PDB file of all heavy atoms in Angstrom:
ATOM      1  N   ILE A   1       2.410 -45.596 -50.422  1.00  0.00           N
ATOM      2  CA  ILE A   1       2.387 -44.215 -50.536  1.00  0.00           C
ATOM      3  C   ILE A   1       2.568 -43.828 -51.911  1.00  0.00           C
ATOM      4  O   ILE A   1       1.821 -42.906 -52.578  1.00  0.00           O
ATOM      5  CB  ILE A   1       3.495 -43.681 -49.772  1.00  0.00           C
ATOM      6  CG1 ILE A   1       3.410 -44.159 -48.336  1.00  0.00           C
ATOM      7  CG2 ILE A   1       3.482 -42.156 -49.759  1.00  0.00           C
ATOM      8  CD1 ILE A   1       4.706 -43.800 -47.255  1.00  0.00           C
ATOM      9  N   SER A   2       3.592 -44.427 -52.678  1.00  0.00           N
ATOM     10  CA  SER A   2       3.937 -44.025 -53.994  1.00  0.00           C
ATOM     11  C   SER A   2       4.332 -45.267 -54.836  1.00  0.00           C
ATOM     12  O   SER A   2       4.897 -46.184 -54.284  1.00  0.00           O
ATOM     13  CB  SER A   2       5.093 -43.008 -53.970  1.00  0.00           C
ATOM     14  OG  SER A   2       5.509 -42.591 -55.251  1.00  0.00           O
ATOM     15  N   GLN A   3       3.991 -45.306 -56.121  1.00  0.00           N
ATOM     16  CA  GLN A   3       4.457 -46.243 -57.028  1.00  0.00           C
ATOM     17  C   GLN A   3       4.888 -45.588 -58.318  1.00  0.00           C
ATOM     18  O   GLN A   3       4.324 -44.512 -58.784  1.00  0.00           O
ATOM     19  CB  GLN A   3       3.321 -47.280 -57.334  1.00  0.00           C
ATOM     20  CG  GLN A   3       2.963 -48.123 -56.096  1.00  0.00           C
ATOM     21  CD  GLN A   3       1.890 -49.132 -56.340  1.00  0.00           C
ATOM     22  OE1 GLN A   3       0.716 -48.707 -56.623  1.00  0.00           O
ATOM     23  NE2 GLN A   3       2.149 -50.406 -56.177  1.00  0.00           N
ATOM     24  N   GLN A   4       5.871 -46.289 -58.966  1.00  0.00           N
ATOM     25  CA  GLN A   4       6.295 -45.883 -60.306  1.00  0.00           C
ATOM     26  C   GLN A   4       6.336 -47.214 -61.124  1.00  0.00           C
ATOM     27  O   GLN A   4       6.623 -48.204 -60.726  1.00  0.00           O
ATOM     28  CB  GLN A   4       7.622 -45.152 -60.261  1.00  0.00           C
ATOM     29  CG  GLN A   4       7.778 -43.904 -59.443  1.00  0.00           C
ATOM     30  CD  GLN A   4       7.120 -42.770 -60.384  1.00  0.00           C
ATOM     31  OE1 GLN A   4       7.446 -42.675 -61.565  1.00  0.00           O
ATOM     32  NE2 GLN A   4       6.286 -41.959 -59.814  1.00  0.00           N
ATOM     33  N   VAL A   5       6.131 -46.804 -62.467  1.00  0.00           N
ATOM     34  CA  VAL A   5       6.245 -47.972 -63.446  1.00  0.00           C
ATOM     35  C   VAL A   5       6.714 -47.486 -64.816  1.00  0.00           C
ATOM     36  O   VAL A   5       6.476 -46.281 -65.116  1.00  0.00           O
ATOM     37  CB  VAL A   5       4.876 -48.756 -63.559  1.00  0.00           C
ATOM     38  CG1 VAL A   5       3.883 -47.657 -64.289  1.00  0.00           C
ATOM     39  CG2 VAL A   5       4.984 -49.888 -64.486  1.00  0.00           C
ATOM     40  N   VAL A   6       7.511 -48.362 -65.419  1.00  0.00           N
ATOM     41  CA  VAL A   6       7.998 -48.061 -66.640  1.00  0.00           C
ATOM     42  C   VAL A   6       7.817 -49.187 -67.742  1.00  0.00           C
ATOM     43  O   VAL A   6       8.029 -50.356 -67.172  1.00  0.00           O
ATOM     44  CB  VAL A   6       9.534 -47.512 -66.750  1.00  0.00           C
ATOM     45  CG1 VAL A   6      10.324 -48.617 -66.232  1.00  0.00           C
ATOM     46  CG2 VAL A   6      10.020 -47.081 -68.108  1.00  0.00           C
ATOM     47  N   GLU A   7       7.399 -48.995 -68.929  1.00  0.00           N
ATOM     48  CA  GLU A   7       7.316 -50.065 -69.798  1.00  0.00           C
ATOM     49  C   GLU A   7       8.566 -50.508 -70.408  1.00  0.00           C
ATOM     50  O   GLU A   7       9.567 -49.618 -70.696  1.00  0.00           O
ATOM     51  CB  GLU A   7       6.398 -49.718 -71.114  1.00  0.00           C
ATOM     52  CG  GLU A   7       4.955 -49.480 -70.678  1.00  0.00           C
ATOM     53  CD  GLU A   7       4.060 -49.263 -71.909  1.00  0.00           C
ATOM     54  OE1 GLU A   7       4.631 -49.117 -72.982  1.00  0.00           O
ATOM     55  OE2 GLU A   7       2.796 -49.042 -71.654  1.00  0.00           O
ATOM     56  N   VAL A   8       8.784 -51.819 -70.504  1.00  0.00           N
ATOM     57  CA  VAL A   8       9.974 -52.450 -71.082  1.00  0.00           C
ATOM     58  C   VAL A   8       9.622 -53.387 -72.116  1.00  0.00           C
ATOM     59  O   VAL A   8       8.409 -53.653 -72.295  1.00  0.00           O
ATOM     60  CB  VAL A   8      10.900 -53.077 -69.976  1.00  0.00           C
ATOM     61  CG1 VAL A   8      11.392 -52.069 -68.952  1.00  0.00           C
ATOM     62  CG2 VAL A   8      10.039 -54.187 -69.306  1.00  0.00           C
ATOM     63  N   ASP A   9      10.538 -53.915 -72.970  1.00  0.00           N
ATOM     64  CA  ASP A   9      10.140 -54.939 -73.969  1.00  0.00           C
ATOM     65  C   ASP A   9      11.327 -55.913 -74.169  1.00  0.00           C
ATOM     66  O   ASP A   9      12.191 -56.068 -73.274  1.00  0.00           O
ATOM     67  CB  ASP A   9       9.950 -54.254 -75.372  1.00  0.00           C
ATOM     68  CG  ASP A   9      11.218 -53.415 -75.765  1.00  0.00           C
ATOM     69  OD1 ASP A   9      12.315 -53.932 -75.526  1.00  0.00           O
ATOM     70  OD2 ASP A   9      10.984 -52.489 -76.580  1.00  0.00           O
ATOM     71  N   HIS A  10      11.270 -56.706 -75.164  1.00  0.00           N
ATOM     72  CA  HIS A  10      12.118 -57.959 -75.344  1.00  0.00           C
ATOM     73  C   HIS A  10      13.568 -57.472 -75.384  1.00  0.00           C
ATOM     74  O   HIS A  10      14.416 -58.377 -75.422  1.00  0.00           O
ATOM     75  CB  HIS A  10      11.603 -58.680 -76.530  1.00  0.00           C
ATOM     76  CG  HIS A  10      11.611 -57.950 -77.747  1.00  0.00           C
ATOM     77  ND1 HIS A  10      10.549 -57.180 -78.117  1.00  0.00           N
ATOM     78  CD2 HIS A  10      12.378 -57.726 -78.708  1.00  0.00           C
ATOM     79  CE1 HIS A  10      10.713 -56.582 -79.288  1.00  0.00           C
ATOM     80  NE2 HIS A  10      11.891 -56.881 -79.756  1.00  0.00           N
ATOM     81  N   THR A  11      13.716 -56.216 -75.843  1.00  0.00           N
ATOM     82  CA  THR A  11      15.057 -55.744 -76.067  1.00  0.00           C
ATOM     83  C   THR A  11      15.962 -55.434 -74.917  1.00  0.00           C
ATOM     84  O   THR A  11      17.141 -55.414 -74.790  1.00  0.00           O
ATOM     85  CB  THR A  11      15.156 -54.391 -76.996  1.00  0.00           C
ATOM     86  OG1 THR A  11      14.496 -53.428 -76.249  1.00  0.00           O
ATOM     87  CG2 THR A  11      14.536 -54.602 -78.281  1.00  0.00           C
ATOM     88  N   TYR A  12      15.221 -55.504 -73.678  1.00  0.00           N
ATOM     89  CA  TYR A  12      15.827 -55.287 -72.361  1.00  0.00           C
ATOM     90  C   TYR A  12      16.565 -56.517 -71.853  1.00  0.00           C
ATOM     91  O   TYR A  12      15.786 -57.408 -71.541  1.00  0.00           O
ATOM     92  CB  TYR A  12      14.834 -54.718 -71.401  1.00  0.00           C
ATOM     93  CG  TYR A  12      14.425 -53.232 -71.585  1.00  0.00           C
ATOM     94  CD1 TYR A  12      13.726 -52.856 -72.571  1.00  0.00           C
ATOM     95  CD2 TYR A  12      14.748 -52.349 -70.490  1.00  0.00           C
ATOM     96  CE1 TYR A  12      13.393 -51.477 -72.838  1.00  0.00           C
ATOM     97  CE2 TYR A  12      14.463 -51.083 -70.657  1.00  0.00           C
ATOM     98  CZ  TYR A  12      13.655 -50.639 -71.770  1.00  0.00           C
ATOM     99  OH  TYR A  12      13.347 -49.261 -71.866  1.00  0.00           O
ATOM    100  N   GLY A  13      17.813 -56.504 -71.616  1.00  0.00           N
ATOM    101  CA  GLY A  13      18.504 -57.667 -70.912  1.00  0.00           C
ATOM    102  C   GLY A  13      18.368 -57.424 -69.386  1.00  0.00           C
ATOM    103  O   GLY A  13      17.809 -56.450 -68.947  1.00  0.00           O
ATOM    104  N   PRO A  14      18.702 -58.446 -68.548  1.00  0.00           N
ATOM    105  CA  PRO A  14      18.691 -58.343 -67.242  1.00  0.00           C
ATOM    106  C   PRO A  14      19.338 -57.037 -66.691  1.00  0.00           C
ATOM    107  O   PRO A  14      18.666 -56.388 -65.763  1.00  0.00           O
ATOM    108  CB  PRO A  14      19.426 -59.489 -66.707  1.00  0.00           C
ATOM    109  CG  PRO A  14      19.413 -60.515 -67.867  1.00  0.00           C
ATOM    110  CD  PRO A  14      19.477 -59.768 -69.128  1.00  0.00           C
ATOM    111  N   GLU A  15      20.361 -56.522 -67.045  1.00  0.00           N
ATOM    112  CA  GLU A  15      21.077 -55.352 -66.526  1.00  0.00           C
ATOM    113  C   GLU A  15      20.296 -54.152 -66.965  1.00  0.00           C
ATOM    114  O   GLU A  15      20.232 -53.118 -66.177  1.00  0.00           O
ATOM    115  CB  GLU A  15      22.496 -55.284 -67.009  1.00  0.00           C
ATOM    116  CG  GLU A  15      23.397 -56.377 -66.553  1.00  0.00           C
ATOM    117  CD  GLU A  15      23.325 -56.577 -65.041  1.00  0.00           C
ATOM    118  OE1 GLU A  15      23.262 -55.333 -64.290  1.00  0.00           O
ATOM    119  OE2 GLU A  15      23.296 -57.734 -64.437  1.00  0.00           O
ATOM    120  N   ASP A  16      19.706 -54.240 -68.195  1.00  0.00           N
ATOM    121  CA  ASP A  16      18.653 -53.108 -68.652  1.00  0.00           C
ATOM    122  C   ASP A  16      17.518 -52.942 -67.598  1.00  0.00           C
ATOM    123  O   ASP A  16      17.044 -51.889 -67.211  1.00  0.00           O
ATOM    124  CB  ASP A  16      18.326 -53.319 -69.974  1.00  0.00           C
ATOM    125  CG  ASP A  16      19.479 -53.173 -70.947  1.00  0.00           C
ATOM    126  OD1 ASP A  16      20.381 -52.456 -70.747  1.00  0.00           O
ATOM    127  OD2 ASP A  16      19.445 -54.094 -71.787  1.00  0.00           O
ATOM    128  N   LEU A  17      16.946 -54.084 -67.307  1.00  0.00           N
ATOM    129  CA  LEU A  17      15.861 -54.093 -66.311  1.00  0.00           C
ATOM    130  C   LEU A  17      16.246 -53.627 -64.951  1.00  0.00           C
ATOM    131  O   LEU A  17      15.515 -52.890 -64.255  1.00  0.00           O
ATOM    132  CB  LEU A  17      15.278 -55.627 -66.249  1.00  0.00           C
ATOM    133  CG  LEU A  17      14.756 -56.120 -67.509  1.00  0.00           C
ATOM    134  CD1 LEU A  17      14.212 -57.506 -67.207  1.00  0.00           C
ATOM    135  CD2 LEU A  17      13.417 -55.271 -68.002  1.00  0.00           C
ATOM    136  N   VAL A  18      17.425 -53.991 -64.529  1.00  0.00           N
ATOM    137  CA  VAL A  18      17.903 -53.495 -63.257  1.00  0.00           C
ATOM    138  C   VAL A  18      18.020 -51.994 -63.279  1.00  0.00           C
ATOM    139  O   VAL A  18      17.606 -51.341 -62.293  1.00  0.00           O
ATOM    140  CB  VAL A  18      19.403 -54.101 -62.947  1.00  0.00           C
ATOM    141  CG1 VAL A  18      19.960 -53.449 -61.725  1.00  0.00           C
ATOM    142  CG2 VAL A  18      19.128 -55.691 -62.626  1.00  0.00           C
ATOM    143  N   ALA A  19      18.587 -51.477 -64.304  1.00  0.00           N
ATOM    144  CA  ALA A  19      18.828 -50.077 -64.372  1.00  0.00           C
ATOM    145  C   ALA A  19      17.521 -49.316 -64.476  1.00  0.00           C
ATOM    146  O   ALA A  19      17.219 -48.312 -63.804  1.00  0.00           O
ATOM    147  CB  ALA A  19      19.588 -49.604 -65.706  1.00  0.00           C
ATOM    148  N   ALA A  20      16.568 -49.801 -65.156  1.00  0.00           N
ATOM    149  CA  ALA A  20      15.121 -49.262 -65.166  1.00  0.00           C
ATOM    150  C   ALA A  20      14.535 -49.438 -63.830  1.00  0.00           C
ATOM    151  O   ALA A  20      13.858 -48.475 -63.362  1.00  0.00           O
ATOM    152  CB  ALA A  20      14.281 -49.916 -66.218  1.00  0.00           C
ATOM    153  N   GLY A  21      14.687 -50.462 -63.208  1.00  0.00           N
ATOM    154  CA  GLY A  21      14.094 -50.627 -61.978  1.00  0.00           C
ATOM    155  C   GLY A  21      14.767 -49.682 -60.874  1.00  0.00           C
ATOM    156  O   GLY A  21      14.106 -49.089 -59.954  1.00  0.00           O
ATOM    157  N   ARG A  22      16.066 -49.271 -60.907  1.00  0.00           N
ATOM    158  CA  ARG A  22      16.744 -48.372 -59.973  1.00  0.00           C
ATOM    159  C   ARG A  22      16.034 -47.052 -60.204  1.00  0.00           C
ATOM    160  O   ARG A  22      15.801 -46.298 -59.164  1.00  0.00           O
ATOM    161  CB  ARG A  22      18.176 -48.342 -60.298  1.00  0.00           C
ATOM    162  CG  ARG A  22      18.944 -49.453 -59.883  1.00  0.00           C
ATOM    163  CD  ARG A  22      20.369 -49.319 -60.263  1.00  0.00           C
ATOM    164  NE  ARG A  22      21.181 -50.465 -59.784  1.00  0.00           N
ATOM    165  CZ  ARG A  22      22.306 -50.840 -60.506  1.00  0.00           C
ATOM    166  NH1 ARG A  22      22.635 -50.227 -61.598  1.00  0.00           N
ATOM    167  NH2 ARG A  22      22.902 -51.904 -59.983  1.00  0.00           N
ATOM    168  N   ASP A  23      15.754 -46.612 -61.412  1.00  0.00           N
ATOM    169  CA  ASP A  23      15.023 -45.299 -61.610  1.00  0.00           C
ATOM    170  C   ASP A  23      13.741 -45.275 -61.031  1.00  0.00           C
ATOM    171  O   ASP A  23      13.328 -44.330 -60.425  1.00  0.00           O
ATOM    172  CB  ASP A  23      15.040 -45.036 -63.091  1.00  0.00           C
ATOM    173  CG  ASP A  23      16.354 -44.767 -63.801  1.00  0.00           C
ATOM    174  OD1 ASP A  23      17.262 -44.483 -63.070  1.00  0.00           O
ATOM    175  OD2 ASP A  23      16.382 -44.900 -65.027  1.00  0.00           O
ATOM    176  N   THR A  24      12.963 -46.383 -61.132  1.00  0.00           N
ATOM    177  CA  THR A  24      11.593 -46.299 -60.548  1.00  0.00           C
ATOM    178  C   THR A  24      11.705 -46.248 -59.047  1.00  0.00           C
ATOM    179  O   THR A  24      10.826 -45.685 -58.354  1.00  0.00           O
ATOM    180  CB  THR A  24      10.691 -47.451 -61.017  1.00  0.00           C
ATOM    181  OG1 THR A  24      11.409 -48.626 -60.549  1.00  0.00           O
ATOM    182  CG2 THR A  24      10.580 -47.407 -62.498  1.00  0.00           C
ATOM    183  N   GLU A  25      12.711 -47.086 -58.419  1.00  0.00           N
ATOM    184  CA  GLU A  25      12.897 -47.054 -57.025  1.00  0.00           C
ATOM    185  C   GLU A  25      13.178 -45.659 -56.441  1.00  0.00           C
ATOM    186  O   GLU A  25      12.619 -45.306 -55.429  1.00  0.00           O
ATOM    187  CB  GLU A  25      13.916 -48.101 -56.632  1.00  0.00           C
ATOM    188  CG  GLU A  25      13.542 -49.606 -56.841  1.00  0.00           C
ATOM    189  CD  GLU A  25      14.730 -50.582 -56.720  1.00  0.00           C
ATOM    190  OE1 GLU A  25      15.834 -50.122 -56.286  1.00  0.00           O
ATOM    191  OE2 GLU A  25      14.535 -51.707 -56.917  1.00  0.00           O
ATOM    192  N   CYS A  26      14.089 -44.982 -57.064  1.00  0.00           N
ATOM    193  CA  CYS A  26      14.556 -43.690 -56.676  1.00  0.00           C
ATOM    194  C   CYS A  26      13.379 -42.718 -56.703  1.00  0.00           C
ATOM    195  O   CYS A  26      13.177 -41.922 -55.743  1.00  0.00           O
ATOM    196  CB  CYS A  26      15.668 -43.097 -57.476  1.00  0.00           C
ATOM    197  SG  CYS A  26      17.249 -44.022 -57.403  1.00  0.00           S
ATOM    198  N   LYS A  27      12.573 -42.719 -57.798  1.00  0.00           N
ATOM    199  CA  LYS A  27      11.443 -41.790 -57.963  1.00  0.00           C
ATOM    200  C   LYS A  27      10.307 -42.118 -56.929  1.00  0.00           C
ATOM    201  O   LYS A  27       9.788 -41.265 -56.280  1.00  0.00           O
ATOM    202  CB  LYS A  27      11.024 -41.744 -59.351  1.00  0.00           C
ATOM    203  CG  LYS A  27       9.926 -40.803 -59.677  1.00  0.00           C
ATOM    204  CD  LYS A  27      10.453 -39.349 -59.332  1.00  0.00           C
ATOM    205  CE  LYS A  27       9.276 -38.405 -59.647  1.00  0.00           C
ATOM    206  NZ  LYS A  27       9.799 -36.905 -59.238  1.00  0.00           N
ATOM    207  N   ALA A  28       9.944 -43.345 -56.859  1.00  0.00           N
ATOM    208  CA  ALA A  28       8.890 -43.693 -55.973  1.00  0.00           C
ATOM    209  C   ALA A  28       9.282 -43.379 -54.523  1.00  0.00           C
ATOM    210  O   ALA A  28       8.521 -42.734 -53.795  1.00  0.00           O
ATOM    211  CB  ALA A  28       8.555 -45.211 -56.071  1.00  0.00           C
ATOM    212  N   LEU A  29      10.482 -43.554 -54.152  1.00  0.00           N
ATOM    213  CA  LEU A  29      10.877 -43.269 -52.687  1.00  0.00           C
ATOM    214  C   LEU A  29      10.955 -41.788 -52.484  1.00  0.00           C
ATOM    215  O   LEU A  29      10.511 -41.363 -51.448  1.00  0.00           O
ATOM    216  CB  LEU A  29      12.232 -44.014 -52.427  1.00  0.00           C
ATOM    217  CG  LEU A  29      12.760 -43.860 -50.851  1.00  0.00           C
ATOM    218  CD1 LEU A  29      11.790 -44.415 -49.994  1.00  0.00           C
ATOM    219  CD2 LEU A  29      14.168 -44.559 -50.792  1.00  0.00           C
ATOM    220  N   SER A  30      11.575 -41.074 -53.473  1.00  0.00           N
ATOM    221  CA  SER A  30      11.693 -39.609 -53.051  1.00  0.00           C
ATOM    222  C   SER A  30      10.330 -38.952 -53.010  1.00  0.00           C
ATOM    223  O   SER A  30      10.021 -38.118 -52.226  1.00  0.00           O
ATOM    224  CB  SER A  30      12.555 -38.955 -54.182  1.00  0.00           C
ATOM    225  OG  SER A  30      11.990 -39.097 -55.533  1.00  0.00           O
ATOM    226  N   ASN A  31       9.299 -39.448 -53.980  1.00  0.00           N
ATOM    227  CA  ASN A  31       7.974 -38.995 -53.879  1.00  0.00           C
ATOM    228  C   ASN A  31       7.322 -39.299 -52.461  1.00  0.00           C
ATOM    229  O   ASN A  31       6.758 -38.337 -51.922  1.00  0.00           O
ATOM    230  CB  ASN A  31       7.082 -39.570 -55.009  1.00  0.00           C
ATOM    231  CG  ASN A  31       7.389 -38.912 -56.255  1.00  0.00           C
ATOM    232  OD1 ASN A  31       7.949 -37.825 -56.372  1.00  0.00           O
ATOM    233  ND2 ASN A  31       6.861 -39.546 -57.272  1.00  0.00           N
ATOM    234  N   ALA A  32       7.559 -40.553 -52.020  1.00  0.00           N
ATOM    235  CA  ALA A  32       6.942 -40.903 -50.799  1.00  0.00           C
ATOM    236  C   ALA A  32       7.476 -39.973 -49.543  1.00  0.00           C
ATOM    237  O   ALA A  32       6.713 -39.593 -48.720  1.00  0.00           O
ATOM    238  CB  ALA A  32       7.254 -42.314 -50.514  1.00  0.00           C
ATOM    239  N   VAL A  33       8.832 -39.813 -49.544  1.00  0.00           N
ATOM    240  CA  VAL A  33       9.468 -39.007 -48.510  1.00  0.00           C
ATOM    241  C   VAL A  33       8.943 -37.561 -48.614  1.00  0.00           C
ATOM    242  O   VAL A  33       8.472 -36.997 -47.576  1.00  0.00           O
ATOM    243  CB  VAL A  33      10.894 -39.119 -48.632  1.00  0.00           C
ATOM    244  CG1 VAL A  33      11.611 -37.998 -47.728  1.00  0.00           C
ATOM    245  CG2 VAL A  33      11.499 -40.396 -48.359  1.00  0.00           C
ATOM    246  N   ARG A  34       8.790 -36.983 -49.846  1.00  0.00           N
ATOM    247  CA  ARG A  34       8.457 -35.564 -50.013  1.00  0.00           C
ATOM    248  C   ARG A  34       6.932 -35.409 -49.547  1.00  0.00           C
ATOM    249  O   ARG A  34       6.550 -34.523 -48.781  1.00  0.00           O
ATOM    250  CB  ARG A  34       8.404 -35.221 -51.453  1.00  0.00           C
ATOM    251  CG  ARG A  34       7.869 -33.814 -51.706  1.00  0.00           C
ATOM    252  CD  ARG A  34       7.962 -33.378 -53.097  1.00  0.00           C
ATOM    253  NE  ARG A  34       9.295 -33.468 -53.738  1.00  0.00           N
ATOM    254  CZ  ARG A  34       9.707 -34.417 -54.567  1.00  0.00           C
ATOM    255  NH1 ARG A  34       9.043 -35.374 -54.905  1.00  0.00           N
ATOM    256  NH2 ARG A  34      10.928 -34.233 -54.930  1.00  0.00           N
ATOM    257  N   TRP A  35       6.036 -36.329 -49.983  1.00  0.00           N
ATOM    258  CA  TRP A  35       4.588 -36.229 -49.609  1.00  0.00           C
ATOM    259  C   TRP A  35       4.397 -36.379 -48.086  1.00  0.00           C
ATOM    260  O   TRP A  35       3.647 -35.724 -47.566  1.00  0.00           O
ATOM    261  CB  TRP A  35       3.780 -37.235 -50.380  1.00  0.00           C
ATOM    262  CG  TRP A  35       3.809 -37.097 -51.851  1.00  0.00           C
ATOM    263  CD1 TRP A  35       4.152 -35.941 -52.629  1.00  0.00           C
ATOM    264  CD2 TRP A  35       3.648 -37.950 -53.020  1.00  0.00           C
ATOM    265  NE1 TRP A  35       4.229 -35.986 -53.944  1.00  0.00           N
ATOM    266  CE2 TRP A  35       3.723 -37.224 -54.103  1.00  0.00           C
ATOM    267  CE3 TRP A  35       3.270 -39.268 -53.033  1.00  0.00           C
ATOM    268  CZ2 TRP A  35       3.615 -37.862 -55.436  1.00  0.00           C
ATOM    269  CZ3 TRP A  35       2.989 -39.945 -54.194  1.00  0.00           C
ATOM    270  CH2 TRP A  35       3.287 -39.204 -55.490  1.00  0.00           C
ATOM    271  N   HIS A  36       5.050 -37.379 -47.520  1.00  0.00           N
ATOM    272  CA  HIS A  36       5.013 -37.646 -46.037  1.00  0.00           C
ATOM    273  C   HIS A  36       5.559 -36.359 -45.329  1.00  0.00           C
ATOM    274  O   HIS A  36       4.715 -35.960 -44.387  1.00  0.00           O
ATOM    275  CB  HIS A  36       5.868 -38.823 -45.679  1.00  0.00           C
ATOM    276  CG  HIS A  36       5.956 -38.968 -44.062  1.00  0.00           C
ATOM    277  ND1 HIS A  36       5.120 -39.834 -43.532  1.00  0.00           N
ATOM    278  CD2 HIS A  36       6.723 -38.333 -43.113  1.00  0.00           C
ATOM    279  CE1 HIS A  36       5.294 -39.637 -42.183  1.00  0.00           C
ATOM    280  NE2 HIS A  36       6.341 -38.895 -41.900  1.00  0.00           N
ATOM    281  N   CYS A  37       6.665 -35.815 -45.652  1.00  0.00           N
ATOM    282  CA  CYS A  37       7.130 -34.690 -44.944  1.00  0.00           C
ATOM    283  C   CYS A  37       6.457 -33.358 -45.270  1.00  0.00           C
ATOM    284  O   CYS A  37       6.574 -32.418 -44.521  1.00  0.00           O
ATOM    285  CB  CYS A  37       8.623 -34.444 -45.279  1.00  0.00           C
ATOM    286  SG  CYS A  37       9.760 -35.899 -44.645  1.00  0.00           S
ATOM    287  N   GLU A  38       5.669 -33.234 -46.325  1.00  0.00           N
ATOM    288  CA  GLU A  38       4.880 -32.001 -46.546  1.00  0.00           C
ATOM    289  C   GLU A  38       3.512 -32.243 -46.028  1.00  0.00           C
ATOM    290  O   GLU A  38       2.602 -31.414 -46.231  1.00  0.00           O
ATOM    291  CB  GLU A  38       4.677 -31.881 -48.133  1.00  0.00           C
ATOM    292  CG  GLU A  38       6.023 -31.470 -48.857  1.00  0.00           C
ATOM    293  CD  GLU A  38       6.008 -31.161 -50.260  1.00  0.00           C
ATOM    294  OE1 GLU A  38       4.835 -31.571 -50.799  1.00  0.00           O
ATOM    295  OE2 GLU A  38       6.873 -30.735 -50.857  1.00  0.00           O
ATOM    296  N   GLY A  39       3.193 -33.379 -45.176  1.00  0.00           N
ATOM    297  CA  GLY A  39       1.979 -33.503 -44.699  1.00  0.00           C
ATOM    298  C   GLY A  39       0.951 -33.873 -45.669  1.00  0.00           C
ATOM    299  O   GLY A  39      -0.350 -33.588 -45.492  1.00  0.00           O
ATOM    300  N   ARG A  40       1.162 -34.490 -46.724  1.00  0.00           N
ATOM    301  CA  ARG A  40       0.222 -34.863 -47.851  1.00  0.00           C
ATOM    302  C   ARG A  40      -0.320 -36.308 -47.516  1.00  0.00           C
ATOM    303  O   ARG A  40      -1.256 -36.557 -48.182  1.00  0.00           O
ATOM    304  CB  ARG A  40       0.795 -34.665 -49.094  1.00  0.00           C
ATOM    305  CG  ARG A  40       1.220 -33.292 -49.407  1.00  0.00           C
ATOM    306  CD  ARG A  40       1.762 -33.025 -50.873  1.00  0.00           C
ATOM    307  NE  ARG A  40       2.273 -31.735 -51.000  1.00  0.00           N
ATOM    308  CZ  ARG A  40       1.363 -30.673 -51.331  1.00  0.00           C
ATOM    309  NH1 ARG A  40       0.062 -30.900 -51.548  1.00  0.00           N
ATOM    310  NH2 ARG A  40       1.852 -29.494 -51.464  1.00  0.00           N
ATOM    311  N   VAL A  41       0.201 -36.969 -46.830  1.00  0.00           N
ATOM    312  CA  VAL A  41      -0.123 -38.473 -46.635  1.00  0.00           C
ATOM    313  C   VAL A  41      -0.907 -38.651 -45.185  1.00  0.00           C
ATOM    314  O   VAL A  41      -0.382 -38.258 -44.126  1.00  0.00           O
ATOM    315  CB  VAL A  41       1.063 -39.325 -46.615  1.00  0.00           C
ATOM    316  CG1 VAL A  41       0.622 -40.791 -46.610  1.00  0.00           C
ATOM    317  CG2 VAL A  41       2.028 -39.090 -47.809  1.00  0.00           C
TER     318      VAL A  41
END
């Protein structure tokens, strides 16, 4: 239904990647819920 992506680089440690991943998970999921409930999917 929905995907999100963000660019990272060599300066990102494991915890930085986790934080970036959390943001993309939240946005992708909220978009999917919104679009489904608005009858867009």
